[in-house]
Amino acid sequence: VTEKRLDGTNFYRALNLAPGIGLIQGGVRGDPKRSLK
């Protein structure tokens, strides 16, 4: 957050297990320019 590595990234995944239940996934998506160790 502080280094602004999440700015401009996306929520790219939506897993629906039941109506209104599941998870959403986001972040750097393995981008080597944004990823830390």
PDB file of all heavy atoms in Angstrom:
ATOM      1  N   VAL A   1       0.834  -1.205   0.000  1.00  0.00           N
ATOM      2  CA  VAL A   1       0.000   0.000   0.000  1.00  0.00           C
ATOM      3  C   VAL A   1       0.868   1.254   0.000  1.00  0.00           C
ATOM      4  O   VAL A   1       0.689   2.164  -0.818  1.00  0.00           O
ATOM      5  CB  VAL A   1      -0.947  -0.008   1.225  1.00  0.00           C
ATOM      6  CG1 VAL A   1      -1.660   1.342   1.364  1.00  0.00           C
ATOM      7  CG2 VAL A   1      -1.961  -1.146   1.109  1.00  0.00           C
ATOM      8  N   THR A   2       1.827   1.323   0.931  1.00  0.00           N
ATOM      9  CA  THR A   2       2.678   2.504   1.079  1.00  0.00           C
ATOM     10  C   THR A   2       3.483   2.797  -0.186  1.00  0.00           C
ATOM     11  O   THR A   2       3.653   3.961  -0.585  1.00  0.00           O
ATOM     12  CB  THR A   2       3.637   2.319   2.273  1.00  0.00           C
ATOM     13  OG1 THR A   2       2.871   2.101   3.450  1.00  0.00           O
ATOM     14  CG2 THR A   2       4.515   3.543   2.461  1.00  0.00           C
ATOM     15  N   GLU A   3       3.969   1.744  -0.821  1.00  0.00           N
ATOM     16  CA  GLU A   3       4.785   1.919  -2.022  1.00  0.00           C
ATOM     17  C   GLU A   3       3.950   2.000  -3.299  1.00  0.00           C
ATOM     18  O   GLU A   3       4.499   1.989  -4.405  1.00  0.00           O
ATOM     19  CB  GLU A   3       5.798   0.775  -2.112  1.00  0.00           C
ATOM     20  CG  GLU A   3       6.787   0.769  -0.947  1.00  0.00           C
ATOM     21  CD  GLU A   3       7.802  -0.369  -1.014  1.00  0.00           C
ATOM     22  OE1 GLU A   3       7.823  -1.090  -2.046  1.00  0.00           O
ATOM     23  OE2 GLU A   3       8.576  -0.532  -0.051  1.00  0.00           O
ATOM     24  N   LYS A   4       2.635   2.058  -3.122  1.00  0.00           N
ATOM     25  CA  LYS A   4       1.684   2.228  -4.239  1.00  0.00           C
ATOM     26  C   LYS A   4       1.766   1.095  -5.268  1.00  0.00           C
ATOM     27  O   LYS A   4       1.473   1.279  -6.448  1.00  0.00           O
ATOM     28  CB  LYS A   4       1.890   3.590  -4.929  1.00  0.00           C
ATOM     29  CG  LYS A   4       1.713   4.778  -3.990  1.00  0.00           C
ATOM     30  CD  LYS A   4       1.770   6.084  -4.723  1.00  0.00           C
ATOM     31  CE  LYS A   4       1.637   7.272  -3.775  1.00  0.00           C
ATOM     32  NZ  LYS A   4       0.382   7.271  -3.011  1.00  0.00           N
ATOM     33  N   ARG A   5       2.148  -0.087  -4.804  1.00  0.00           N
ATOM     34  CA  ARG A   5       2.258  -1.223  -5.698  1.00  0.00           C
ATOM     35  C   ARG A   5       0.893  -1.794  -6.096  1.00  0.00           C
ATOM     36  O   ARG A   5       0.790  -2.541  -7.073  1.00  0.00           O
ATOM     37  CB  ARG A   5       3.122  -2.313  -5.055  1.00  0.00           C
ATOM     38  CG  ARG A   5       4.587  -1.896  -4.897  1.00  0.00           C
ATOM     39  CD  ARG A   5       5.376  -2.954  -4.117  1.00  0.00           C
ATOM     40  NE  ARG A   5       6.756  -2.520  -3.940  1.00  0.00           N
ATOM     41  CZ  ARG A   5       7.766  -2.820  -4.760  1.00  0.00           C
ATOM     42  NH1 ARG A   5       7.532  -3.561  -5.837  1.00  0.00           N
ATOM     43  NH2 ARG A   5       8.987  -2.387  -4.522  1.00  0.00           N
ATOM     44  N   LEU A   6      -0.151  -1.455  -5.320  1.00  0.00           N
ATOM     45  CA  LEU A   6      -1.494  -1.940  -5.642  1.00  0.00           C
ATOM     46  C   LEU A   6      -2.282  -0.951  -6.499  1.00  0.00           C
ATOM     47  O   LEU A   6      -3.330  -1.320  -7.050  1.00  0.00           O
ATOM     48  CB  LEU A   6      -2.274  -2.243  -4.355  1.00  0.00           C
ATOM     49  CG  LEU A   6      -1.716  -3.370  -3.471  1.00  0.00           C
ATOM     50  CD1 LEU A   6      -2.555  -3.523  -2.210  1.00  0.00           C
ATOM     51  CD2 LEU A   6      -1.655  -4.690  -4.239  1.00  0.00           C
ATOM     52  N   ASP A   7      -1.789   0.284  -6.599  1.00  0.00           N
ATOM     53  CA  ASP A   7      -2.488   1.279  -7.414  1.00  0.00           C
ATOM     54  C   ASP A   7      -2.470   0.850  -8.882  1.00  0.00           C
ATOM     55  O   ASP A   7      -1.405   0.575  -9.453  1.00  0.00           O
ATOM     56  CB  ASP A   7      -1.821   2.654  -7.278  1.00  0.00           C
ATOM     57  CG  ASP A   7      -1.980   3.247  -5.891  1.00  0.00           C
ATOM     58  OD1 ASP A   7      -2.472   2.531  -4.993  1.00  0.00           O
ATOM     59  OD2 ASP A   7      -1.591   4.410  -5.703  1.00  0.00           O
ATOM     60  N   GLY A   8      -3.649   0.772  -9.484  1.00  0.00           N
ATOM     61  CA  GLY A   8      -3.731   0.383 -10.882  1.00  0.00           C
ATOM     62  C   GLY A   8      -3.828  -1.119 -11.107  1.00  0.00           C
ATOM     63  O   GLY A   8      -3.890  -1.565 -12.262  1.00  0.00           O
ATOM     64  N   THR A   9      -3.842  -1.915 -10.018  1.00  0.00           N
ATOM     65  CA  THR A   9      -4.054  -3.357 -10.180  1.00  0.00           C
ATOM     66  C   THR A   9      -5.557  -3.635 -10.236  1.00  0.00           C
ATOM     67  O   THR A   9      -6.372  -2.705 -10.264  1.00  0.00           O
ATOM     68  CB  THR A   9      -3.394  -4.150  -9.034  1.00  0.00           C
ATOM     69  OG1 THR A   9      -3.975  -3.748  -7.782  1.00  0.00           O
ATOM     70  CG2 THR A   9      -1.894  -3.892  -9.005  1.00  0.00           C
ATOM     71  N   ASN A  10      -5.941  -4.900 -10.241  1.00  0.00           N
ATOM     72  CA  ASN A  10      -7.349  -5.249 -10.430  1.00  0.00           C
ATOM     73  C   ASN A  10      -7.821  -6.323  -9.456  1.00  0.00           C
ATOM     74  O   ASN A  10      -7.022  -7.108  -8.936  1.00  0.00           O
ATOM     75  CB  ASN A  10      -7.574  -5.801 -11.848  1.00  0.00           C
ATOM     76  CG  ASN A  10      -7.211  -4.827 -12.934  1.00  0.00           C
ATOM     77  OD1 ASN A  10      -7.742  -3.734 -13.001  1.00  0.00           O
ATOM     78  ND2 ASN A  10      -6.279  -5.232 -13.798  1.00  0.00           N
ATOM     79  N   PHE A  11      -9.133  -6.349  -9.275  1.00  0.00           N
ATOM     80  CA  PHE A  11      -9.805  -7.556  -8.811  1.00  0.00           C
ATOM     81  C   PHE A  11     -10.118  -8.339 -10.083  1.00  0.00           C
ATOM     82  O   PHE A  11     -10.872  -7.874 -10.933  1.00  0.00           O
ATOM     83  CB  PHE A  11     -11.085  -7.227  -8.045  1.00  0.00           C
ATOM     84  CG  PHE A  11     -10.849  -6.791  -6.625  1.00  0.00           C
ATOM     85  CD1 PHE A  11     -10.937  -5.453  -6.271  1.00  0.00           C
ATOM     86  CD2 PHE A  11     -10.534  -7.728  -5.651  1.00  0.00           C
ATOM     87  CE1 PHE A  11     -10.718  -5.055  -4.963  1.00  0.00           C
ATOM     88  CE2 PHE A  11     -10.297  -7.335  -4.336  1.00  0.00           C
ATOM     89  CZ  PHE A  11     -10.384  -5.997  -3.993  1.00  0.00           C
ATOM     90  N   TYR A  12      -9.517  -9.497 -10.217  1.00  0.00           N
ATOM     91  CA  TYR A  12      -9.593 -10.235 -11.474  1.00  0.00           C
ATOM     92  C   TYR A  12     -10.288 -11.596 -11.366  1.00  0.00           C
ATOM     93  O   TYR A  12     -10.543 -12.256 -12.373  1.00  0.00           O
ATOM     94  CB  TYR A  12      -8.188 -10.447 -12.047  1.00  0.00           C
ATOM     95  CG  TYR A  12      -7.201 -11.069 -11.070  1.00  0.00           C
ATOM     96  CD1 TYR A  12      -7.138 -12.455 -10.890  1.00  0.00           C
ATOM     97  CD2 TYR A  12      -6.334 -10.272 -10.329  1.00  0.00           C
ATOM     98  CE1 TYR A  12      -6.252 -13.019 -10.002  1.00  0.00           C
ATOM     99  CE2 TYR A  12      -5.437 -10.834  -9.440  1.00  0.00           C
ATOM    100  CZ  TYR A  12      -5.400 -12.210  -9.272  1.00  0.00           C
ATOM    101  OH  TYR A  12      -4.518 -12.771  -8.379  1.00  0.00           O
ATOM    102  N   ARG A  13     -10.601 -12.014 -10.154  1.00  0.00           N
ATOM    103  CA  ARG A  13     -11.203 -13.347  -9.963  1.00  0.00           C
ATOM    104  C   ARG A  13     -12.431 -13.254  -9.073  1.00  0.00           C
ATOM    105  O   ARG A  13     -12.438 -12.527  -8.086  1.00  0.00           O
ATOM    106  CB  ARG A  13     -10.182 -14.282  -9.316  1.00  0.00           C
ATOM    107  CG  ARG A  13     -10.697 -15.691  -9.046  1.00  0.00           C
ATOM    108  CD  ARG A  13      -9.701 -16.463  -8.207  1.00  0.00           C
ATOM    109  NE  ARG A  13     -10.124 -17.832  -7.952  1.00  0.00           N
ATOM    110  CZ  ARG A  13      -9.619 -18.607  -7.009  1.00  0.00           C
ATOM    111  NH1 ARG A  13      -8.645 -18.159  -6.223  1.00  0.00           N
ATOM    112  NH2 ARG A  13     -10.066 -19.845  -6.840  1.00  0.00           N
ATOM    113  N   ALA A  14     -13.480 -14.020  -9.410  1.00  0.00           N
ATOM    114  CA  ALA A  14     -14.685 -14.115  -8.584  1.00  0.00           C
ATOM    115  C   ALA A  14     -15.095 -15.578  -8.502  1.00  0.00           C
ATOM    116  O   ALA A  14     -15.478 -16.182  -9.508  1.00  0.00           O
ATOM    117  CB  ALA A  14     -15.812 -13.271  -9.164  1.00  0.00           C
ATOM    118  N   LEU A  15     -14.975 -16.151  -7.314  1.00  0.00           N
ATOM    119  CA  LEU A  15     -15.363 -17.535  -7.081  1.00  0.00           C
ATOM    120  C   LEU A  15     -16.717 -17.548  -6.376  1.00  0.00           C
ATOM    121  O   LEU A  15     -16.835 -17.095  -5.238  1.00  0.00           O
ATOM    122  CB  LEU A  15     -14.313 -18.243  -6.225  1.00  0.00           C
ATOM    123  CG  LEU A  15     -14.718 -19.595  -5.622  1.00  0.00           C
ATOM    124  CD1 LEU A  15     -15.060 -20.595  -6.720  1.00  0.00           C
ATOM    125  CD2 LEU A  15     -13.618 -20.129  -4.717  1.00  0.00           C
ATOM    126  N   ASN A  16     -17.736 -18.039  -7.041  1.00  0.00           N
ATOM    127  CA  ASN A  16     -19.080 -18.122  -6.470  1.00  0.00           C
ATOM    128  C   ASN A  16     -19.352 -19.549  -6.012  1.00  0.00           C
ATOM    129  O   ASN A  16     -19.373 -20.480  -6.823  1.00  0.00           O
ATOM    130  CB  ASN A  16     -20.121 -17.686  -7.500  1.00  0.00           C
ATOM    131  CG  ASN A  16     -20.176 -16.179  -7.667  1.00  0.00           C
ATOM    132  OD1 ASN A  16     -20.894 -15.487  -6.967  1.00  0.00           O
ATOM    133  ND2 ASN A  16     -19.377 -15.666  -8.604  1.00  0.00           N
ATOM    134  N   LEU A  17     -19.571 -19.715  -4.711  1.00  0.00           N
ATOM    135  CA  LEU A  17     -19.883 -21.033  -4.152  1.00  0.00           C
ATOM    136  C   LEU A  17     -21.382 -21.241  -3.996  1.00  0.00           C
ATOM    137  O   LEU A  17     -21.879 -22.368  -4.060  1.00  0.00           O
ATOM    138  CB  LEU A  17     -19.195 -21.195  -2.798  1.00  0.00           C
ATOM    139  CG  LEU A  17     -17.660 -21.106  -2.824  1.00  0.00           C
ATOM    140  CD1 LEU A  17     -17.113 -21.140  -1.401  1.00  0.00           C
ATOM    141  CD2 LEU A  17     -17.077 -22.224  -3.652  1.00  0.00           C
ATOM    142  N   ALA A  18     -22.103 -20.164  -3.753  1.00  0.00           N
ATOM    143  CA  ALA A  18     -23.558 -20.156  -3.601  1.00  0.00           C
ATOM    144  C   ALA A  18     -23.969 -18.707  -3.788  1.00  0.00           C
ATOM    145  O   ALA A  18     -23.112 -17.810  -3.802  1.00  0.00           O
ATOM    146  CB  ALA A  18     -23.965 -20.681  -2.225  1.00  0.00           C
ATOM    147  N   PRO A  19     -25.257 -18.426  -3.956  1.00  0.00           N
ATOM    148  CA  PRO A  19     -25.665 -17.031  -4.129  1.00  0.00           C
ATOM    149  C   PRO A  19     -25.157 -16.136  -2.998  1.00  0.00           C
ATOM    150  O   PRO A  19     -25.481 -16.345  -1.833  1.00  0.00           O
ATOM    151  CB  PRO A  19     -27.192 -17.123  -4.136  1.00  0.00           C
ATOM    152  CG  PRO A  19     -27.482 -18.488  -4.662  1.00  0.00           C
ATOM    153  CD  PRO A  19     -26.392 -19.358  -4.106  1.00  0.00           C
ATOM    154  N   GLY A  20     -24.340 -15.149  -3.363  1.00  0.00           N
ATOM    155  CA  GLY A  20     -23.811 -14.207  -2.382  1.00  0.00           C
ATOM    156  C   GLY A  20     -22.675 -14.730  -1.532  1.00  0.00           C
ATOM    157  O   GLY A  20     -22.186 -14.035  -0.640  1.00  0.00           O
ATOM    158  N   ILE A  21     -22.224 -15.939  -1.773  1.00  0.00           N
ATOM    159  CA  ILE A  21     -21.143 -16.538  -0.975  1.00  0.00           C
ATOM    160  C   ILE A  21     -19.999 -16.934  -1.900  1.00  0.00           C
ATOM    161  O   ILE A  21     -20.214 -17.570  -2.931  1.00  0.00           O
ATOM    162  CB  ILE A  21     -21.639 -17.765  -0.192  1.00  0.00           C
ATOM    163  CG1 ILE A  21     -22.735 -17.361   0.790  1.00  0.00           C
ATOM    164  CG2 ILE A  21     -20.478 -18.431   0.565  1.00  0.00           C
ATOM    165  CD1 ILE A  21     -23.341 -18.522   1.547  1.00  0.00           C
ATOM    166  N   GLY A  22     -18.798 -16.551  -1.521  1.00  0.00           N
ATOM    167  CA  GLY A  22     -17.626 -16.869  -2.335  1.00  0.00           C
ATOM    168  C   GLY A  22     -16.476 -15.966  -1.969  1.00  0.00           C
ATOM    169  O   GLY A  22     -16.333 -15.554  -0.811  1.00  0.00           O
ATOM    170  N   LEU A  23     -15.646 -15.646  -2.946  1.00  0.00           N
ATOM    171  CA  LEU A  23     -14.522 -14.752  -2.692  1.00  0.00           C
ATOM    172  C   LEU A  23     -14.157 -14.009  -3.968  1.00  0.00           C
ATOM    173  O   LEU A  23     -14.455 -14.452  -5.075  1.00  0.00           O
ATOM    174  CB  LEU A  23     -13.315 -15.522  -2.150  1.00  0.00           C
ATOM    175  CG  LEU A  23     -12.663 -16.602  -3.022  1.00  0.00           C
ATOM    176  CD1 LEU A  23     -11.661 -16.040  -4.032  1.00  0.00           C
ATOM    177  CD2 LEU A  23     -11.964 -17.626  -2.127  1.00  0.00           C
ATOM    178  N   ILE A  24     -13.519 -12.857  -3.772  1.00  0.00           N
ATOM    179  CA  ILE A  24     -12.971 -12.086  -4.884  1.00  0.00           C
ATOM    180  C   ILE A  24     -11.473 -11.966  -4.656  1.00  0.00           C
ATOM    181  O   ILE A  24     -11.016 -11.837  -3.520  1.00  0.00           O
ATOM    182  CB  ILE A  24     -13.624 -10.698  -5.030  1.00  0.00           C
ATOM    183  CG1 ILE A  24     -13.422  -9.849  -3.765  1.00  0.00           C
ATOM    184  CG2 ILE A  24     -15.109 -10.842  -5.342  1.00  0.00           C
ATOM    185  CD1 ILE A  24     -13.881  -8.405  -3.906  1.00  0.00           C
ATOM    186  N   GLN A  25     -10.706 -12.029  -5.724  1.00  0.00           N
ATOM    187  CA  GLN A  25      -9.243 -11.992  -5.611  1.00  0.00           C
ATOM    188  C   GLN A  25      -8.682 -10.850  -6.441  1.00  0.00           C
ATOM    189  O   GLN A  25      -9.148 -10.581  -7.543  1.00  0.00           O
ATOM    190  CB  GLN A  25      -8.650 -13.324  -6.081  1.00  0.00           C
ATOM    191  CG  GLN A  25      -7.136 -13.431  -5.909  1.00  0.00           C
ATOM    192  CD  GLN A  25      -6.643 -14.853  -6.133  1.00  0.00           C
ATOM    193  OE1 GLN A  25      -7.266 -15.807  -5.676  1.00  0.00           O
ATOM    194  NE2 GLN A  25      -5.530 -14.989  -6.833  1.00  0.00           N
ATOM    195  N   GLY A  26      -7.678 -10.182  -5.881  1.00  0.00           N
ATOM    196  CA  GLY A  26      -7.047  -9.073  -6.580  1.00  0.00           C
ATOM    197  C   GLY A  26      -5.585  -8.956  -6.216  1.00  0.00           C
ATOM    198  O   GLY A  26      -5.046  -9.755  -5.457  1.00  0.00           O
ATOM    199  N   GLY A  27      -4.934  -7.925  -6.774  1.00  0.00           N
ATOM    200  CA  GLY A  27      -3.535  -7.692  -6.462  1.00  0.00           C
ATOM    201  C   GLY A  27      -2.648  -7.638  -7.681  1.00  0.00           C
ATOM    202  O   GLY A  27      -3.117  -7.387  -8.797  1.00  0.00           O
ATOM    203  N   VAL A  28      -1.371  -7.891  -7.473  1.00  0.00           N
ATOM    204  CA  VAL A  28      -0.363  -7.671  -8.517  1.00  0.00           C
ATOM    205  C   VAL A  28      -0.338  -8.767  -9.573  1.00  0.00           C
ATOM    206  O   VAL A  28       0.283  -8.622 -10.609  1.00  0.00           O
ATOM    207  CB  VAL A  28       1.033  -7.513  -7.888  1.00  0.00           C
ATOM    208  CG1 VAL A  28       1.057  -6.368  -6.891  1.00  0.00           C
ATOM    209  CG2 VAL A  28       1.493  -8.812  -7.233  1.00  0.00           C
ATOM    210  N   ARG A  29      -0.954  -9.881  -9.295  1.00  0.00           N
ATOM    211  CA  ARG A  29      -1.070 -11.002 -10.236  1.00  0.00           C
ATOM    212  C   ARG A  29       0.295 -11.468 -10.750  1.00  0.00           C
ATOM    213  O   ARG A  29       0.478 -11.762 -11.928  1.00  0.00           O
ATOM    214  CB  ARG A  29      -1.999 -10.623 -11.389  1.00  0.00           C
ATOM    215  CG  ARG A  29      -2.677 -11.803 -12.049  1.00  0.00           C
ATOM    216  CD  ARG A  29      -3.732 -11.359 -13.026  1.00  0.00           C
ATOM    217  NE  ARG A  29      -4.345 -12.508 -13.674  1.00  0.00           N
ATOM    218  CZ  ARG A  29      -5.316 -12.418 -14.591  1.00  0.00           C
ATOM    219  NH1 ARG A  29      -5.788 -11.228 -14.949  1.00  0.00           N
ATOM    220  NH2 ARG A  29      -5.822 -13.496 -15.141  1.00  0.00           N
ATOM    221  N   GLY A  30       1.245 -11.502  -9.836  1.00  0.00           N
ATOM    222  CA  GLY A  30       2.563 -12.014 -10.179  1.00  0.00           C
ATOM    223  C   GLY A  30       3.430 -11.088 -10.999  1.00  0.00           C
ATOM    224  O   GLY A  30       4.505 -11.495 -11.462  1.00  0.00           O
ATOM    225  N   ASP A  31       3.032  -9.846 -11.174  1.00  0.00           N
ATOM    226  CA  ASP A  31       3.821  -8.891 -11.952  1.00  0.00           C
ATOM    227  C   ASP A  31       5.180  -8.693 -11.275  1.00  0.00           C
ATOM    228  O   ASP A  31       5.258  -8.186 -10.154  1.00  0.00           O
ATOM    229  CB  ASP A  31       3.069  -7.565 -12.040  1.00  0.00           C
ATOM    230  CG  ASP A  31       3.797  -6.522 -12.880  1.00  0.00           C
ATOM    231  OD1 ASP A  31       4.972  -6.731 -13.241  1.00  0.00           O
ATOM    232  OD2 ASP A  31       3.181  -5.473 -13.180  1.00  0.00           O
ATOM    233  N   PRO A  32       6.277  -9.059 -11.929  1.00  0.00           N
ATOM    234  CA  PRO A  32       7.591  -8.958 -11.280  1.00  0.00           C
ATOM    235  C   PRO A  32       7.989  -7.523 -10.950  1.00  0.00           C
ATOM    236  O   PRO A  32       8.811  -7.305 -10.050  1.00  0.00           O
ATOM    237  CB  PRO A  32       8.545  -9.586 -12.304  1.00  0.00           C
ATOM    238  CG  PRO A  32       7.826  -9.489 -13.620  1.00  0.00           C
ATOM    239  CD  PRO A  32       6.379  -9.611 -13.296  1.00  0.00           C
ATOM    240  N   LYS A  33       7.449  -6.548 -11.662  1.00  0.00           N
ATOM    241  CA  LYS A  33       7.778  -5.149 -11.378  1.00  0.00           C
ATOM    242  C   LYS A  33       7.087  -4.650 -10.104  1.00  0.00           C
ATOM    243  O   LYS A  33       7.522  -3.658  -9.519  1.00  0.00           O
ATOM    244  CB  LYS A  33       7.384  -4.272 -12.561  1.00  0.00           C
ATOM    245  CG  LYS A  33       8.194  -4.530 -13.819  1.00  0.00           C
ATOM    246  CD  LYS A  33       7.774  -3.592 -14.940  1.00  0.00           C
ATOM    247  CE  LYS A  33       8.585  -3.842 -16.205  1.00  0.00           C
ATOM    248  NZ  LYS A  33       8.187  -2.927 -17.319  1.00  0.00           N
ATOM    249  N   ARG A  34       6.023  -5.316  -9.721  1.00  0.00           N
ATOM    250  CA  ARG A  34       5.275  -4.900  -8.530  1.00  0.00           C
ATOM    251  C   ARG A  34       5.513  -5.819  -7.324  1.00  0.00           C
ATOM    252  O   ARG A  34       5.315  -5.418  -6.190  1.00  0.00           O
ATOM    253  CB  ARG A  34       3.769  -4.880  -8.831  1.00  0.00           C
ATOM    254  CG  ARG A  34       3.333  -3.825  -9.833  1.00  0.00           C
ATOM    255  CD  ARG A  34       1.825  -3.945 -10.084  1.00  0.00           C
ATOM    256  NE  ARG A  34       1.319  -2.961 -11.034  1.00  0.00           N
ATOM    257  CZ  ARG A  34       0.824  -1.766 -10.699  1.00  0.00           C
ATOM    258  NH1 ARG A  34       0.780  -1.409  -9.429  1.00  0.00           N
ATOM    259  NH2 ARG A  34       0.369  -0.931 -11.610  1.00  0.00           N
ATOM    260  N   SER A  35       5.926  -7.043  -7.580  1.00  0.00           N
ATOM    261  CA  SER A  35       6.012  -8.047  -6.520  1.00  0.00           C
ATOM    262  C   SER A  35       7.243  -7.874  -5.645  1.00  0.00           C
ATOM    263  O   SER A  35       8.346  -7.600  -6.141  1.00  0.00           O
ATOM    264  CB  SER A  35       6.020  -9.454  -7.131  1.00  0.00           C
ATOM    265  OG  SER A  35       4.829  -9.707  -7.847  1.00  0.00           O
ATOM    266  N   LEU A  36       7.043  -8.063  -4.345  1.00  0.00           N
ATOM    267  CA  LEU A  36       8.142  -8.118  -3.381  1.00  0.00           C
ATOM    268  C   LEU A  36       8.474  -9.583  -3.104  1.00  0.00           C
ATOM    269  O   LEU A  36       7.828 -10.491  -3.630  1.00  0.00           O
ATOM    270  CB  LEU A  36       7.720  -7.406  -2.090  1.00  0.00           C
ATOM    271  CG  LEU A  36       7.393  -5.918  -2.224  1.00  0.00           C
ATOM    272  CD1 LEU A  36       6.740  -5.404  -0.941  1.00  0.00           C
ATOM    273  CD2 LEU A  36       8.647  -5.123  -2.549  1.00  0.00           C
ATOM    274  N   LYS A  37       9.457  -9.819  -2.273  1.00  0.00           N
ATOM    275  CA  LYS A  37       9.838 -11.184  -1.945  1.00  0.00           C
ATOM    276  C   LYS A  37       8.705 -11.886  -1.200  1.00  0.00           C
ATOM    277  O   LYS A  37       7.965 -11.256  -0.435  1.00  0.00           O
ATOM    278  CB  LYS A  37      11.105 -11.185  -1.088  1.00  0.00           C
ATOM    279  CG  LYS A  37      12.360 -10.751  -1.840  1.00  0.00           C
ATOM    280  CD  LYS A  37      13.571 -10.827  -0.934  1.00  0.00           C
ATOM    281  CE  LYS A  37      14.837 -10.419  -1.687  1.00  0.00           C
ATOM    282  NZ  LYS A  37      16.045 -10.496  -0.817  1.00  0.00           N
TER     283      LYS A  37
END
